[in-house]
Amino acid sequence: MKLLFDENLSYKLVAKLADIFPDAIHARDLLEREDVSIWHFAKQNQAVIITKDADFNDLSLLYGFPPFVVWLRTGNSKLSDMENILRTNSIKIRELISQNQYGVIELSAA
């Protein structure tokens, strides 16, 4: 499964989660970084967008899915907290694609 981290998340998450999401990339690695460009890249490359940005929820409502979106509703959080939320919910993230019923899931700190 390929994850695409939005610019509002640390690029360091790619390396920190490489053991469970080895194909993850960060938006800073893309030529075009606007939300719509990220959306289209994710769709073309079968990537799940990981973001703290409500705009991707809106794009999902507008365009449907895929791509799938994981919307982190955490406020300002430390890198280790973000890593923990994604690790703890890695099964939910994988199920998002396989269930094909919802385009967006929201995750927050427990």
PDB file of N, CA and C in Angstrom:
ATOM      1  N   MET A   1       0.838  -1.174   0.000  1.00  0.00           N
ATOM      2  CA  MET A   1       0.000   0.000   0.000  1.00  0.00           C
ATOM      3  C   MET A   1       0.885   1.239   0.000  1.00  0.00           C
ATOM      4  N   LYS A   2       0.554   2.155  -0.860  1.00  0.00           N
ATOM      5  CA  LYS A   2       1.319   3.382  -0.992  1.00  0.00           C
ATOM      6  C   LYS A   2       0.595   4.502  -0.243  1.00  0.00           C
ATOM      7  N   LEU A   3       1.299   5.157   0.667  1.00  0.00           N
ATOM      8  CA  LEU A   3       0.764   6.325   1.350  1.00  0.00           C
ATOM      9  C   LEU A   3       1.405   7.562   0.753  1.00  0.00           C
ATOM     10  N   LEU A   4       0.628   8.638   0.697  1.00  0.00           N
ATOM     11  CA  LEU A   4       1.117   9.933   0.245  1.00  0.00           C
ATOM     12  C   LEU A   4       0.831  10.940   1.351  1.00  0.00           C
ATOM     13  N   PHE A   5       1.887  11.369   2.039  1.00  0.00           N
ATOM     14  CA  PHE A   5       1.738  12.319   3.130  1.00  0.00           C
ATOM     15  C   PHE A   5       1.634  13.731   2.577  1.00  0.00           C
ATOM     16  N   ASP A   6       0.626  14.435   3.018  1.00  0.00           N
ATOM     17  CA  ASP A   6       0.414  15.821   2.616  1.00  0.00           C
ATOM     18  C   ASP A   6       1.493  16.711   3.231  1.00  0.00           C
ATOM     19  N   GLU A   7       1.640  17.904   2.681  1.00  0.00           N
ATOM     20  CA  GLU A   7       2.672  18.830   3.145  1.00  0.00           C
ATOM     21  C   GLU A   7       2.492  19.261   4.596  1.00  0.00           C
ATOM     22  N   ASN A   8       1.283  19.164   5.120  1.00  0.00           N
ATOM     23  CA  ASN A   8       1.064  19.596   6.500  1.00  0.00           C
ATOM     24  C   ASN A   8       1.546  18.566   7.520  1.00  0.00           C
ATOM     25  N   LEU A   9       2.115  17.483   7.045  1.00  0.00           N
ATOM     26  CA  LEU A   9       2.695  16.454   7.914  1.00  0.00           C
ATOM     27  C   LEU A   9       4.198  16.378   7.670  1.00  0.00           C
ATOM     28  N   SER A  10       4.917  15.990   8.679  1.00  0.00           N
ATOM     29  CA  SER A  10       6.367  15.916   8.567  1.00  0.00           C
ATOM     30  C   SER A  10       6.807  14.867   7.542  1.00  0.00           C
ATOM     31  N   TYR A  11       7.785  15.239   6.739  1.00  0.00           N
ATOM     32  CA  TYR A  11       8.368  14.288   5.784  1.00  0.00           C
ATOM     33  C   TYR A  11       9.067  13.136   6.508  1.00  0.00           C
ATOM     34  N   LYS A  12       9.381  13.335   7.780  1.00  0.00           N
ATOM     35  CA  LYS A  12      10.065  12.308   8.559  1.00  0.00           C
ATOM     36  C   LYS A  12       9.175  11.074   8.795  1.00  0.00           C
ATOM     37  N   LEU A  13       7.874  11.238   8.643  1.00  0.00           N
ATOM     38  CA  LEU A  13       6.974  10.086   8.812  1.00  0.00           C
ATOM     39  C   LEU A  13       7.239   8.995   7.775  1.00  0.00           C
ATOM     40  N   VAL A  14       7.696   9.385   6.601  1.00  0.00           N
ATOM     41  CA  VAL A  14       7.991   8.395   5.554  1.00  0.00           C
ATOM     42  C   VAL A  14       9.009   7.391   6.067  1.00  0.00           C
ATOM     43  N   ALA A  15      10.110   7.866   6.620  1.00  0.00           N
ATOM     44  CA  ALA A  15      11.158   6.973   7.131  1.00  0.00           C
ATOM     45  C   ALA A  15      10.708   6.253   8.396  1.00  0.00           C
ATOM     46  N   LYS A  16      10.001   6.946   9.268  1.00  0.00           N
ATOM     47  CA  LYS A  16       9.586   6.341  10.534  1.00  0.00           C
ATOM     48  C   LYS A  16       8.597   5.189  10.342  1.00  0.00           C
ATOM     49  N   LEU A  17       7.830   5.231   9.256  1.00  0.00           N
ATOM     50  CA  LEU A  17       6.819   4.197   9.012  1.00  0.00           C
ATOM     51  C   LEU A  17       7.204   3.252   7.877  1.00  0.00           C
ATOM     52  N   ALA A  18       8.442   3.314   7.440  1.00  0.00           N
ATOM     53  CA  ALA A  18       8.882   2.497   6.302  1.00  0.00           C
ATOM     54  C   ALA A  18       8.761   1.002   6.560  1.00  0.00           C
ATOM     55  N   ASP A  19       8.808   0.582   7.812  1.00  0.00           N
ATOM     56  CA  ASP A  19       8.699  -0.849   8.103  1.00  0.00           C
ATOM     57  C   ASP A  19       7.291  -1.386   7.856  1.00  0.00           C
ATOM     58  N   ILE A  20       6.271  -0.540   7.973  1.00  0.00           N
ATOM     59  CA  ILE A  20       4.901  -1.021   7.733  1.00  0.00           C
ATOM     60  C   ILE A  20       4.277  -0.440   6.461  1.00  0.00           C
ATOM     61  N   PHE A  21       4.820   0.686   5.987  1.00  0.00           N
ATOM     62  CA  PHE A  21       4.369   1.300   4.737  1.00  0.00           C
ATOM     63  C   PHE A  21       5.601   1.655   3.897  1.00  0.00           C
ATOM     64  N   PRO A  22       6.254   0.660   3.317  1.00  0.00           N
ATOM     65  CA  PRO A  22       7.532   0.901   2.636  1.00  0.00           C
ATOM     66  C   PRO A  22       7.442   1.759   1.373  1.00  0.00           C
ATOM     67  N   ASP A  23       6.260   1.876   0.795  1.00  0.00           N
ATOM     68  CA  ASP A  23       6.128   2.643  -0.441  1.00  0.00           C
ATOM     69  C   ASP A  23       5.625   4.067  -0.212  1.00  0.00           C
ATOM     70  N   ALA A  24       5.640   4.529   1.027  1.00  0.00           N
ATOM     71  CA  ALA A  24       5.146   5.870   1.345  1.00  0.00           C
ATOM     72  C   ALA A  24       6.037   6.943   0.726  1.00  0.00           C
ATOM     73  N   ILE A  25       5.396   8.049   0.350  1.00  0.00           N
ATOM     74  CA  ILE A  25       6.114   9.212  -0.159  1.00  0.00           C
ATOM     75  C   ILE A  25       5.513  10.467   0.491  1.00  0.00           C
ATOM     76  N   HIS A  26       6.193  11.573   0.313  1.00  0.00           N
ATOM     77  CA  HIS A  26       5.732  12.844   0.868  1.00  0.00           C
ATOM     78  C   HIS A  26       5.451  13.810  -0.284  1.00  0.00           C
ATOM     79  N   ALA A  27       4.489  14.683  -0.082  1.00  0.00           N
ATOM     80  CA  ALA A  27       4.112  15.641  -1.127  1.00  0.00           C
ATOM     81  C   ALA A  27       5.279  16.521  -1.554  1.00  0.00           C
ATOM     82  N   ARG A  28       6.236  16.730  -0.676  1.00  0.00           N
ATOM     83  CA  ARG A  28       7.381  17.576  -1.054  1.00  0.00           C
ATOM     84  C   ARG A  28       8.201  16.945  -2.180  1.00  0.00           C
ATOM     85  N   ASP A  29       8.001  15.643  -2.415  1.00  0.00           N
ATOM     86  CA  ASP A  29       8.706  14.950  -3.494  1.00  0.00           C
ATOM     87  C   ASP A  29       8.006  15.088  -4.845  1.00  0.00           C
ATOM     88  N   LEU A  30       6.843  15.714  -4.846  1.00  0.00           N
ATOM     89  CA  LEU A  30       6.077  15.884  -6.085  1.00  0.00           C
ATOM     90  C   LEU A  30       6.410  17.224  -6.728  1.00  0.00           C
ATOM     91  N   LEU A  31       6.261  17.291  -8.034  1.00  0.00           N
ATOM     92  CA  LEU A  31       6.489  18.557  -8.731  1.00  0.00           C
ATOM     93  C   LEU A  31       5.370  19.542  -8.452  1.00  0.00           C
ATOM     94  N   GLU A  32       4.149  19.066  -8.451  1.00  0.00           N
ATOM     95  CA  GLU A  32       2.980  19.907  -8.195  1.00  0.00           C
ATOM     96  C   GLU A  32       2.447  19.589  -6.805  1.00  0.00           C
ATOM     97  N   ARG A  33       2.272  20.610  -5.962  1.00  0.00           N
ATOM     98  CA  ARG A  33       1.902  20.368  -4.568  1.00  0.00           C
ATOM     99  C   ARG A  33       0.547  20.941  -4.169  1.00  0.00           C
ATOM    100  N   GLU A  34      -0.197  21.470  -5.127  1.00  0.00           N
ATOM    101  CA  GLU A  34      -1.530  21.950  -4.800  1.00  0.00           C
ATOM    102  C   GLU A  34      -2.413  20.749  -4.484  1.00  0.00           C
ATOM    103  N   ASP A  35      -3.451  20.982  -3.692  1.00  0.00           N
ATOM    104  CA  ASP A  35      -4.310  19.881  -3.257  1.00  0.00           C
ATOM    105  C   ASP A  35      -4.858  19.065  -4.426  1.00  0.00           C
ATOM    106  N   VAL A  36      -5.333  19.740  -5.461  1.00  0.00           N
ATOM    107  CA  VAL A  36      -5.913  19.015  -6.597  1.00  0.00           C
ATOM    108  C   VAL A  36      -4.846  18.185  -7.307  1.00  0.00           C
ATOM    109  N   SER A  37      -3.640  18.710  -7.414  1.00  0.00           N
ATOM    110  CA  SER A  37      -2.543  17.958  -8.044  1.00  0.00           C
ATOM    111  C   SER A  37      -2.181  16.735  -7.204  1.00  0.00           C
ATOM    112  N   ILE A  38      -2.138  16.915  -5.894  1.00  0.00           N
ATOM    113  CA  ILE A  38      -1.878  15.778  -4.995  1.00  0.00           C
ATOM    114  C   ILE A  38      -2.975  14.744  -5.162  1.00  0.00           C
ATOM    115  N   TRP A  39      -4.214  15.199  -5.233  1.00  0.00           N
ATOM    116  CA  TRP A  39      -5.369  14.310  -5.417  1.00  0.00           C
ATOM    117  C   TRP A  39      -5.207  13.466  -6.685  1.00  0.00           C
ATOM    118  N   HIS A  40      -4.906  14.128  -7.793  1.00  0.00           N
ATOM    119  CA  HIS A  40      -4.779  13.409  -9.065  1.00  0.00           C
ATOM    120  C   HIS A  40      -3.581  12.463  -9.061  1.00  0.00           C
ATOM    121  N   PHE A  41      -2.468  12.876  -8.456  1.00  0.00           N
ATOM    122  CA  PHE A  41      -1.315  11.994  -8.349  1.00  0.00           C
ATOM    123  C   PHE A  41      -1.688  10.737  -7.556  1.00  0.00           C
ATOM    124  N   ALA A  42      -2.368  10.922  -6.438  1.00  0.00           N
ATOM    125  CA  ALA A  42      -2.771   9.779  -5.605  1.00  0.00           C
ATOM    126  C   ALA A  42      -3.696   8.845  -6.381  1.00  0.00           C
ATOM    127  N   LYS A  43      -4.613   9.407  -7.121  1.00  0.00           N
ATOM    128  CA  LYS A  43      -5.545   8.583  -7.901  1.00  0.00           C
ATOM    129  C   LYS A  43      -4.798   7.781  -8.964  1.00  0.00           C
ATOM    130  N   GLN A  44      -3.906   8.421  -9.670  1.00  0.00           N
ATOM    131  CA  GLN A  44      -3.156   7.751 -10.736  1.00  0.00           C
ATOM    132  C   GLN A  44      -2.201   6.693 -10.205  1.00  0.00           C
ATOM    133  N   ASN A  45      -1.723   6.875  -8.974  1.00  0.00           N
ATOM    134  CA  ASN A  45      -0.723   5.979  -8.408  1.00  0.00           C
ATOM    135  C   ASN A  45      -1.261   5.095  -7.296  1.00  0.00           C
ATOM    136  N   GLN A  46      -2.582   5.054  -7.166  1.00  0.00           N
ATOM    137  CA  GLN A  46      -3.249   4.212  -6.172  1.00  0.00           C
ATOM    138  C   GLN A  46      -2.680   4.425  -4.769  1.00  0.00           C
ATOM    139  N   ALA A  47      -2.514   5.699  -4.407  1.00  0.00           N
ATOM    140  CA  ALA A  47      -1.983   6.050  -3.095  1.00  0.00           C
ATOM    141  C   ALA A  47      -3.108   6.537  -2.179  1.00  0.00           C
ATOM    142  N   VAL A  48      -2.926   6.323  -0.909  1.00  0.00           N
ATOM    143  CA  VAL A  48      -3.836   6.833   0.115  1.00  0.00           C
ATOM    144  C   VAL A  48      -3.254   8.142   0.631  1.00  0.00           C
ATOM    145  N   ILE A  49      -4.036   9.197   0.606  1.00  0.00           N
ATOM    146  CA  ILE A  49      -3.584  10.495   1.083  1.00  0.00           C
ATOM    147  C   ILE A  49      -3.735  10.546   2.602  1.00  0.00           C
ATOM    148  N   ILE A  50      -2.653  10.906   3.267  1.00  0.00           N
ATOM    149  CA  ILE A  50      -2.660  11.104   4.716  1.00  0.00           C
ATOM    150  C   ILE A  50      -2.516  12.605   4.942  1.00  0.00           C
ATOM    151  N   THR A  51      -3.482  13.209   5.642  1.00  0.00           N
ATOM    152  CA  THR A  51      -3.506  14.660   5.758  1.00  0.00           C
ATOM    153  C   THR A  51      -4.143  15.125   7.051  1.00  0.00           C
ATOM    154  N   LYS A  52      -3.902  16.374   7.388  1.00  0.00           N
ATOM    155  CA  LYS A  52      -4.613  17.049   8.469  1.00  0.00           C
ATOM    156  C   LYS A  52      -5.539  18.115   7.881  1.00  0.00           C
ATOM    157  N   ASP A  53      -5.648  18.133   6.575  1.00  0.00           N
ATOM    158  CA  ASP A  53      -6.333  19.178   5.819  1.00  0.00           C
ATOM    159  C   ASP A  53      -7.758  18.751   5.460  1.00  0.00           C
ATOM    160  N   ALA A  54      -8.744  19.551   5.851  1.00  0.00           N
ATOM    161  CA  ALA A  54     -10.144  19.259   5.537  1.00  0.00           C
ATOM    162  C   ALA A  54     -10.427  19.332   4.042  1.00  0.00           C
ATOM    163  N   ASP A  55      -9.564  19.995   3.280  1.00  0.00           N
ATOM    164  CA  ASP A  55      -9.798  20.142   1.845  1.00  0.00           C
ATOM    165  C   ASP A  55      -9.874  18.796   1.129  1.00  0.00           C
ATOM    166  N   PHE A  56      -9.132  17.807   1.599  1.00  0.00           N
ATOM    167  CA  PHE A  56      -9.170  16.503   0.940  1.00  0.00           C
ATOM    168  C   PHE A  56     -10.482  15.779   1.212  1.00  0.00           C
ATOM    169  N   ASN A  57     -11.098  16.036   2.346  1.00  0.00           N
ATOM    170  CA  ASN A  57     -12.443  15.522   2.603  1.00  0.00           C
ATOM    171  C   ASN A  57     -13.409  16.140   1.589  1.00  0.00           C
ATOM    172  N   ASP A  58     -13.269  17.444   1.361  1.00  0.00           N
ATOM    173  CA  ASP A  58     -14.122  18.138   0.392  1.00  0.00           C
ATOM    174  C   ASP A  58     -13.911  17.594  -1.018  1.00  0.00           C
ATOM    175  N   LEU A  59     -12.666  17.335  -1.380  1.00  0.00           N
ATOM    176  CA  LEU A  59     -12.394  16.774  -2.710  1.00  0.00           C
ATOM    177  C   LEU A  59     -13.008  15.391  -2.858  1.00  0.00           C
ATOM    178  N   SER A  60     -13.013  14.619  -1.783  1.00  0.00           N
ATOM    179  CA  SER A  60     -13.631  13.297  -1.822  1.00  0.00           C
ATOM    180  C   SER A  60     -15.136  13.416  -2.052  1.00  0.00           C
ATOM    181  N   LEU A  61     -15.749  14.393  -1.403  1.00  0.00           N
ATOM    182  CA  LEU A  61     -17.189  14.614  -1.607  1.00  0.00           C
ATOM    183  C   LEU A  61     -17.474  15.074  -3.029  1.00  0.00           C
ATOM    184  N   LEU A  62     -16.582  15.868  -3.586  1.00  0.00           N
ATOM    185  CA  LEU A  62     -16.756  16.403  -4.931  1.00  0.00           C
ATOM    186  C   LEU A  62     -16.496  15.365  -6.017  1.00  0.00           C
ATOM    187  N   TYR A  63     -15.384  14.636  -5.899  1.00  0.00           N
ATOM    188  CA  TYR A  63     -14.947  13.719  -6.952  1.00  0.00           C
ATOM    189  C   TYR A  63     -15.199  12.245  -6.662  1.00  0.00           C
ATOM    190  N   GLY A  64     -15.553  11.903  -5.438  1.00  0.00           N
ATOM    191  CA  GLY A  64     -15.681  10.496  -5.072  1.00  0.00           C
ATOM    192  C   GLY A  64     -14.313   9.893  -4.796  1.00  0.00           C
ATOM    193  N   PHE A  65     -14.279   8.592  -4.722  1.00  0.00           N
ATOM    194  CA  PHE A  65     -13.017   7.915  -4.433  1.00  0.00           C
ATOM    195  C   PHE A  65     -12.886   6.719  -5.332  1.00  0.00           C
ATOM    196  N   PRO A  66     -11.670   6.229  -5.562  1.00  0.00           N
ATOM    197  CA  PRO A  66     -10.396   6.639  -5.000  1.00  0.00           C
ATOM    198  C   PRO A  66      -9.947   7.976  -5.554  1.00  0.00           C
ATOM    199  N   PRO A  67      -8.940   8.578  -4.958  1.00  0.00           N
ATOM    200  CA  PRO A  67      -8.106   8.040  -3.897  1.00  0.00           C
ATOM    201  C   PRO A  67      -8.816   8.097  -2.547  1.00  0.00           C
ATOM    202  N   PHE A  68      -8.319   7.285  -1.666  1.00  0.00           N
ATOM    203  CA  PHE A  68      -8.821   7.259  -0.300  1.00  0.00           C
ATOM    204  C   PHE A  68      -8.031   8.271   0.526  1.00  0.00           C
ATOM    205  N   VAL A  69      -8.674   8.751   1.591  1.00  0.00           N
ATOM    206  CA  VAL A  69      -8.067   9.781   2.422  1.00  0.00           C
ATOM    207  C   VAL A  69      -8.140   9.373   3.886  1.00  0.00           C
ATOM    208  N   VAL A  70      -7.026   9.533   4.575  1.00  0.00           N
ATOM    209  CA  VAL A  70      -6.988   9.387   6.024  1.00  0.00           C
ATOM    210  C   VAL A  70      -6.807  10.795   6.577  1.00  0.00           C
ATOM    211  N   TRP A  71      -7.852  11.268   7.257  1.00  0.00           N
ATOM    212  CA  TRP A  71      -7.879  12.635   7.780  1.00  0.00           C
ATOM    213  C   TRP A  71      -7.521  12.581   9.258  1.00  0.00           C
ATOM    214  N   LEU A  72      -6.361  13.087   9.595  1.00  0.00           N
ATOM    215  CA  LEU A  72      -5.885  13.087  10.974  1.00  0.00           C
ATOM    216  C   LEU A  72      -6.438  14.299  11.698  1.00  0.00           C
ATOM    217  N   ARG A  73      -7.282  14.049  12.670  1.00  0.00           N
ATOM    218  CA  ARG A  73      -7.937  15.120  13.432  1.00  0.00           C
ATOM    219  C   ARG A  73      -7.260  15.242  14.787  1.00  0.00           C
ATOM    220  N   THR A  74      -6.023  15.691  14.785  1.00  0.00           N
ATOM    221  CA  THR A  74      -5.211  15.656  15.992  1.00  0.00           C
ATOM    222  C   THR A  74      -4.783  17.020  16.507  1.00  0.00           C
ATOM    223  N   GLY A  75      -5.017  18.074  15.771  1.00  0.00           N
ATOM    224  CA  GLY A  75      -4.471  19.361  16.183  1.00  0.00           C
ATOM    225  C   GLY A  75      -2.962  19.312  16.084  1.00  0.00           C
ATOM    226  N   ASN A  76      -2.301  20.199  16.789  1.00  0.00           N
ATOM    227  CA  ASN A  76      -0.836  20.190  16.796  1.00  0.00           C
ATOM    228  C   ASN A  76      -0.355  19.008  17.620  1.00  0.00           C
ATOM    229  N   SER A  77       0.426  18.156  17.014  1.00  0.00           N
ATOM    230  CA  SER A  77       0.910  16.944  17.673  1.00  0.00           C
ATOM    231  C   SER A  77       2.386  16.747  17.386  1.00  0.00           C
ATOM    232  N   LYS A  78       3.042  16.089  18.291  1.00  0.00           N
ATOM    233  CA  LYS A  78       4.447  15.739  18.095  1.00  0.00           C
ATOM    234  C   LYS A  78       4.550  14.653  17.029  1.00  0.00           C
ATOM    235  N   LEU A  79       5.699  14.589  16.406  1.00  0.00           N
ATOM    236  CA  LEU A  79       5.966  13.582  15.386  1.00  0.00           C
ATOM    237  C   LEU A  79       5.729  12.177  15.940  1.00  0.00           C
ATOM    238  N   SER A  80       6.195  11.925  17.146  1.00  0.00           N
ATOM    239  CA  SER A  80       6.023  10.592  17.744  1.00  0.00           C
ATOM    240  C   SER A  80       4.543  10.261  17.950  1.00  0.00           C
ATOM    241  N   ASP A  81       3.731  11.259  18.267  1.00  0.00           N
ATOM    242  CA  ASP A  81       2.292  11.026  18.424  1.00  0.00           C
ATOM    243  C   ASP A  81       1.647  10.677  17.088  1.00  0.00           C
ATOM    244  N   MET A  82       2.047  11.391  16.040  1.00  0.00           N
ATOM    245  CA  MET A  82       1.504  11.108  14.705  1.00  0.00           C
ATOM    246  C   MET A  82       1.899   9.698  14.262  1.00  0.00           C
ATOM    247  N   GLU A  83       3.152   9.353  14.494  1.00  0.00           N
ATOM    248  CA  GLU A  83       3.619   8.009  14.148  1.00  0.00           C
ATOM    249  C   GLU A  83       2.802   6.958  14.898  1.00  0.00           C
ATOM    250  N   ASN A  84       2.581   7.176  16.172  1.00  0.00           N
ATOM    251  CA  ASN A  84       1.834   6.226  16.981  1.00  0.00           C
ATOM    252  C   ASN A  84       0.397   6.068  16.486  1.00  0.00           C
ATOM    253  N   ILE A  85      -0.255   7.160  16.140  1.00  0.00           N
ATOM    254  CA  ILE A  85      -1.634   7.092  15.631  1.00  0.00           C
ATOM    255  C   ILE A  85      -1.681   6.267  14.350  1.00  0.00           C
ATOM    256  N   LEU A  86      -0.734   6.492  13.462  1.00  0.00           N
ATOM    257  CA  LEU A  86      -0.727   5.756  12.192  1.00  0.00           C
ATOM    258  C   LEU A  86      -0.373   4.285  12.393  1.00  0.00           C
ATOM    259  N   ARG A  87       0.554   4.000  13.274  1.00  0.00           N
ATOM    260  CA  ARG A  87       0.884   2.600  13.572  1.00  0.00           C
ATOM    261  C   ARG A  87      -0.309   1.882  14.199  1.00  0.00           C
ATOM    262  N   THR A  88      -0.917   2.525  15.176  1.00  0.00           N
ATOM    263  CA  THR A  88      -2.043   1.921  15.892  1.00  0.00           C
ATOM    264  C   THR A  88      -3.216   1.647  14.950  1.00  0.00           C
ATOM    265  N   ASN A  89      -3.354   2.471  13.936  1.00  0.00           N
ATOM    266  CA  ASN A  89      -4.488   2.351  13.019  1.00  0.00           C
ATOM    267  C   ASN A  89      -4.109   1.792  11.651  1.00  0.00           C
ATOM    268  N   SER A  90      -2.961   1.154  11.555  1.00  0.00           N
ATOM    269  CA  SER A  90      -2.510   0.654  10.252  1.00  0.00           C
ATOM    270  C   SER A  90      -3.495  -0.348   9.649  1.00  0.00           C
ATOM    271  N   ILE A  91      -4.131  -1.148  10.474  1.00  0.00           N
ATOM    272  CA  ILE A  91      -5.120  -2.104   9.952  1.00  0.00           C
ATOM    273  C   ILE A  91      -6.331  -1.357   9.400  1.00  0.00           C
ATOM    274  N   LYS A  92      -6.799  -0.337  10.112  1.00  0.00           N
ATOM    275  CA  LYS A  92      -7.933   0.469   9.617  1.00  0.00           C
ATOM    276  C   LYS A  92      -7.588   1.118   8.283  1.00  0.00           C
ATOM    277  N   ILE A  93      -6.362   1.586   8.177  1.00  0.00           N
ATOM    278  CA  ILE A  93      -5.936   2.226   6.930  1.00  0.00           C
ATOM    279  C   ILE A  93      -5.953   1.212   5.792  1.00  0.00           C
ATOM    280  N   ARG A  94      -5.457   0.026   6.025  1.00  0.00           N
ATOM    281  CA  ARG A  94      -5.475  -1.024   4.997  1.00  0.00           C
ATOM    282  C   ARG A  94      -6.904  -1.456   4.652  1.00  0.00           C
ATOM    283  N   GLU A  95      -7.759  -1.514   5.655  1.00  0.00           N
ATOM    284  CA  GLU A  95      -9.166  -1.901   5.427  1.00  0.00           C
ATOM    285  C   GLU A  95      -9.925  -0.851   4.629  1.00  0.00           C
ATOM    286  N   LEU A  96      -9.493   0.389   4.706  1.00  0.00           N
ATOM    287  CA  LEU A  96     -10.151   1.465   3.965  1.00  0.00           C
ATOM    288  C   LEU A  96     -10.227   1.122   2.484  1.00  0.00           C
ATOM    289  N   ILE A  97      -9.142   0.634   1.947  1.00  0.00           N
ATOM    290  CA  ILE A  97      -9.121   0.284   0.530  1.00  0.00           C
ATOM    291  C   ILE A  97      -9.932  -0.973   0.242  1.00  0.00           C
ATOM    292  N   SER A  98      -9.778  -1.973   1.082  1.00  0.00           N
ATOM    293  CA  SER A  98     -10.437  -3.247   0.800  1.00  0.00           C
ATOM    294  C   SER A  98     -11.951  -3.170   0.945  1.00  0.00           C
ATOM    295  N   GLN A  99     -12.465  -2.314   1.818  1.00  0.00           N
ATOM    296  CA  GLN A  99     -13.913  -2.241   2.004  1.00  0.00           C
ATOM    297  C   GLN A  99     -14.592  -1.464   0.886  1.00  0.00           C
ATOM    298  N   ASN A 100     -13.907  -0.485   0.319  1.00  0.00           N
ATOM    299  CA  ASN A 100     -14.400   0.273  -0.831  1.00  0.00           C
ATOM    300  C   ASN A 100     -15.792   0.880  -0.612  1.00  0.00           C
ATOM    301  N   GLN A 101     -16.128   1.234   0.638  1.00  0.00           N
ATOM    302  CA  GLN A 101     -17.416   1.862   0.932  1.00  0.00           C
ATOM    303  C   GLN A 101     -17.269   3.325   1.318  1.00  0.00           C
ATOM    304  N   TYR A 102     -16.146   3.667   1.910  1.00  0.00           N
ATOM    305  CA  TYR A 102     -15.922   5.024   2.386  1.00  0.00           C
ATOM    306  C   TYR A 102     -14.652   5.572   1.748  1.00  0.00           C
ATOM    307  N   GLY A 103     -14.686   6.833   1.379  1.00  0.00           N
ATOM    308  CA  GLY A 103     -13.517   7.444   0.789  1.00  0.00           C
ATOM    309  C   GLY A 103     -12.589   8.075   1.808  1.00  0.00           C
ATOM    310  N   VAL A 104     -13.139   8.398   2.994  1.00  0.00           N
ATOM    311  CA  VAL A 104     -12.366   9.103   4.004  1.00  0.00           C
ATOM    312  C   VAL A 104     -12.599   8.445   5.353  1.00  0.00           C
ATOM    313  N   ILE A 105     -11.513   8.268   6.108  1.00  0.00           N
ATOM    314  CA  ILE A 105     -11.664   7.913   7.512  1.00  0.00           C
ATOM    315  C   ILE A 105     -10.958   9.000   8.324  1.00  0.00           C
ATOM    316  N   GLU A 106     -11.511   9.254   9.490  1.00  0.00           N
ATOM    317  CA  GLU A 106     -10.921  10.219  10.411  1.00  0.00           C
ATOM    318  C   GLU A 106     -10.256   9.476  11.550  1.00  0.00           C
ATOM    319  N   LEU A 107      -9.055   9.894  11.875  1.00  0.00           N
ATOM    320  CA  LEU A 107      -8.322   9.308  12.994  1.00  0.00           C
ATOM    321  C   LEU A 107      -7.945  10.422  13.949  1.00  0.00           C
ATOM    322  N   SER A 108      -8.003  10.104  15.229  1.00  0.00           N
ATOM    323  CA  SER A 108      -7.580  11.071  16.235  1.00  0.00           C
ATOM    324  C   SER A 108      -6.842  10.322  17.343  1.00  0.00           C
ATOM    325  N   ALA A 109      -6.226  11.090  18.215  1.00  0.00           N
ATOM    326  CA  ALA A 109      -5.520  10.479  19.342  1.00  0.00           C
ATOM    327  C   ALA A 109      -6.531   9.793  20.243  1.00  0.00           C
ATOM    328  N   ALA A 110      -6.127   8.658  20.791  1.00  0.00           N
ATOM    329  CA  ALA A 110      -7.035   7.889  21.648  1.00  0.00           C
ATOM    330  C   ALA A 110      -7.181   8.538  23.008  1.00  0.00           C
TER     331      ALA A 110
END
